[in-house]
Every structure is written in C-alpha cells, then in structure tokens.
Amino acid sequence: MQSNTLSLRISKAEARALRERARRDGVSQGSLVRRALRAYGVTPEPDQGRSGYDVIKHLVGRNRGRSTDLSTNPKHLDDYGR
C-alpha cells in the first residue's frame, strides 16, 4: 500500500478521545482514522471477501473442445508414473 502522511490539528479532547477509542478497539489511531474516512465515504471500501471462484472465474469454461475425462479414462493413465 502506497501511503502519504497527513498532519492536522485537533484539540486535546479530540486527541484523548481518538487515543481512547483506538485503545478500546485494539487498533492504531491511524487505522481508526482510515476507518472513519471509509465510513464517511471519502475512500472506497477495501475489496474483501473474494471467493476462490471470484479469483478464477475468468478461466472457467476455457477448456472447451479438449478431453473432459482425463482423470477417469484409463487410456490417459497408461504411462502415468513412468
């Protein structure tokens, strides 16, 4: 992830609240601010929850016209292991 640093001024009360919330959630203050930016709609949600199918779906169906019985037809296994 390419990142930039942002400096901003916040009040002591805001700094304390940020620190306490980050500690309570078990995350860094930066992570908490990034989460708030996503919730506010400033940054897009990270792409999570991709299934195995989502990763390979562009390959499904690419084997058209080739043998479909490689694992069950004994003639394909004649020289296997030699």
C-alpha atoms as a PDB file:
ATOM      1  CA  MET A   1       0.000   0.000   0.000  1.00  0.00           C
ATOM      2  CA  GLN A   2       1.422   3.321  -1.031  1.00  0.00           C
ATOM      3  CA  SER A   3       0.821   5.891   1.676  1.00  0.00           C
ATOM      4  CA  ASN A   4       1.134   9.582   2.402  1.00  0.00           C
ATOM      5  CA  THR A   5       1.356  11.357   5.711  1.00  0.00           C
ATOM      6  CA  LEU A   6      -1.293  13.854   6.756  1.00  0.00           C
ATOM      7  CA  SER A   7      -0.764  16.293   9.584  1.00  0.00           C
ATOM      8  CA  LEU A   8      -3.715  18.046  11.172  1.00  0.00           C
ATOM      9  CA  ARG A   9      -4.501  19.929  14.321  1.00  0.00           C
ATOM     10  CA  ILE A  10      -7.056  18.529  16.724  1.00  0.00           C
ATOM     11  CA  SER A  11      -7.991  19.633  20.216  1.00  0.00           C
ATOM     12  CA  LYS A  12      -6.686  17.862  23.312  1.00  0.00           C
ATOM     13  CA  ALA A  13     -10.153  16.442  23.917  1.00  0.00           C
ATOM     14  CA  GLU A  14     -10.289  15.047  20.362  1.00  0.00           C
ATOM     15  CA  ALA A  15      -6.803  13.582  20.715  1.00  0.00           C
ATOM     16  CA  ARG A  16      -7.762  11.942  24.003  1.00  0.00           C
ATOM     17  CA  ALA A  17     -10.995  10.567  22.539  1.00  0.00           C
ATOM     18  CA  LEU A  18      -9.133   9.222  19.484  1.00  0.00           C
ATOM     19  CA  ARG A  19      -6.474   7.591  21.647  1.00  0.00           C
ATOM     20  CA  GLU A  20      -9.058   6.010  23.973  1.00  0.00           C
ATOM     21  CA  ARG A  21     -11.245   4.723  21.130  1.00  0.00           C
ATOM     22  CA  ALA A  22      -8.242   3.252  19.315  1.00  0.00           C
ATOM     23  CA  ARG A  23      -7.124   1.528  22.518  1.00  0.00           C
ATOM     24  CA  ARG A  24     -10.641   0.221  23.184  1.00  0.00           C
ATOM     25  CA  ASP A  25     -10.972  -1.152  19.618  1.00  0.00           C
ATOM     26  CA  GLY A  26      -7.442  -2.555  19.688  1.00  0.00           C
ATOM     27  CA  VAL A  27      -6.308  -0.684  16.579  1.00  0.00           C
ATOM     28  CA  SER A  28      -3.885   2.107  15.834  1.00  0.00           C
ATOM     29  CA  GLN A  29      -5.055   5.704  15.725  1.00  0.00           C
ATOM     30  CA  GLY A  30      -4.224   5.828  12.004  1.00  0.00           C
ATOM     31  CA  SER A  31      -6.312   2.727  11.369  1.00  0.00           C
ATOM     32  CA  LEU A  32      -9.215   4.262  13.242  1.00  0.00           C
ATOM     33  CA  VAL A  33      -8.980   7.466  11.161  1.00  0.00           C
ATOM     34  CA  ARG A  34      -8.831   5.430   7.913  1.00  0.00           C
ATOM     35  CA  ARG A  35     -11.934   3.517   9.054  1.00  0.00           C
ATOM     36  CA  ALA A  36     -13.707   6.831   9.708  1.00  0.00           C
ATOM     37  CA  LEU A  37     -12.768   8.099   6.232  1.00  0.00           C
ATOM     38  CA  ARG A  38     -14.260   4.961   4.658  1.00  0.00           C
ATOM     39  CA  ALA A  39     -17.432   5.329   6.784  1.00  0.00           C
ATOM     40  CA  TYR A  40     -17.751   8.960   5.728  1.00  0.00           C
ATOM     41  CA  GLY A  41     -17.451   7.940   2.069  1.00  0.00           C
ATOM     42  CA  VAL A  42     -14.145   9.644   1.388  1.00  0.00           C
ATOM     43  CA  THR A  43     -12.279   6.439   0.482  1.00  0.00           C
ATOM     44  CA  PRO A  44     -13.648   3.251  -1.083  1.00  0.00           C
ATOM     45  CA  GLU A  45     -14.148   0.084   0.907  1.00  0.00           C
ATOM     46  CA  PRO A  46     -11.310  -2.407   0.534  1.00  0.00           C
ATOM     47  CA  ASP A  47     -12.119  -5.413  -1.625  1.00  0.00           C
ATOM     48  CA  GLN A  48     -12.642  -8.175   0.902  1.00  0.00           C
ATOM     49  CA  GLY A  49     -14.475 -11.423   0.755  1.00  0.00           C
ATOM     50  CA  ARG A  50     -13.438 -12.530  -2.715  1.00  0.00           C
ATOM     51  CA  SER A  51     -14.161 -16.214  -3.077  1.00  0.00           C
ATOM     52  CA  GLY A  52     -11.952 -18.698  -4.864  1.00  0.00           C
ATOM     53  CA  TYR A  53     -14.427 -18.640  -7.718  1.00  0.00           C
ATOM     54  CA  ASP A  54     -14.134 -14.840  -7.978  1.00  0.00           C
ATOM     55  CA  VAL A  55     -10.378 -15.213  -8.379  1.00  0.00           C
ATOM     56  CA  ILE A  56     -10.553 -17.801 -11.202  1.00  0.00           C
ATOM     57  CA  LYS A  57     -13.895 -17.095 -12.871  1.00  0.00           C
ATOM     58  CA  HIS A  58     -12.168 -15.630 -15.936  1.00  0.00           C
ATOM     59  CA  LEU A  59     -10.674 -19.110 -16.538  1.00  0.00           C
ATOM     60  CA  VAL A  60     -13.867 -21.143 -16.173  1.00  0.00           C
ATOM     61  CA  GLY A  61     -15.008 -22.590 -19.485  1.00  0.00           C
ATOM     62  CA  ARG A  62     -11.655 -22.111 -21.212  1.00  0.00           C
ATOM     63  CA  ASN A  63     -11.191 -25.876 -21.737  1.00  0.00           C
ATOM     64  CA  ARG A  64     -13.816 -26.239 -24.469  1.00  0.00           C
ATOM     65  CA  GLY A  65     -13.090 -28.823 -27.115  1.00  0.00           C
ATOM     66  CA  ARG A  66     -10.478 -30.687 -25.076  1.00  0.00           C
ATOM     67  CA  SER A  67     -10.715 -34.006 -23.298  1.00  0.00           C
ATOM     68  CA  THR A  68     -13.115 -33.987 -20.347  1.00  0.00           C
ATOM     69  CA  ASP A  69     -12.270 -37.401 -18.946  1.00  0.00           C
ATOM     70  CA  LEU A  70      -8.579 -37.091 -18.072  1.00  0.00           C
ATOM     71  CA  SER A  71      -8.989 -38.452 -14.544  1.00  0.00           C
ATOM     72  CA  THR A  72     -11.413 -41.278 -15.337  1.00  0.00           C
ATOM     73  CA  ASN A  73     -10.413 -42.704 -18.724  1.00  0.00           C
ATOM     74  CA  PRO A  74      -7.686 -45.400 -18.327  1.00  0.00           C
ATOM     75  CA  LYS A  75      -6.107 -44.632 -21.710  1.00  0.00           C
ATOM     76  CA  HIS A  76      -4.906 -41.277 -20.352  1.00  0.00           C
ATOM     77  CA  LEU A  77      -3.248 -43.046 -17.406  1.00  0.00           C
ATOM     78  CA  ASP A  78      -1.273 -45.704 -19.378  1.00  0.00           C
ATOM     79  CA  ASP A  79       2.162 -44.172 -18.863  1.00  0.00           C
ATOM     80  CA  TYR A  80       1.437 -42.374 -15.613  1.00  0.00           C
ATOM     81  CA  GLY A  81       4.311 -42.685 -13.147  1.00  0.00           C
ATOM     82  CA  ARG A  82       6.881 -43.882 -15.709  1.00  0.00           C
END
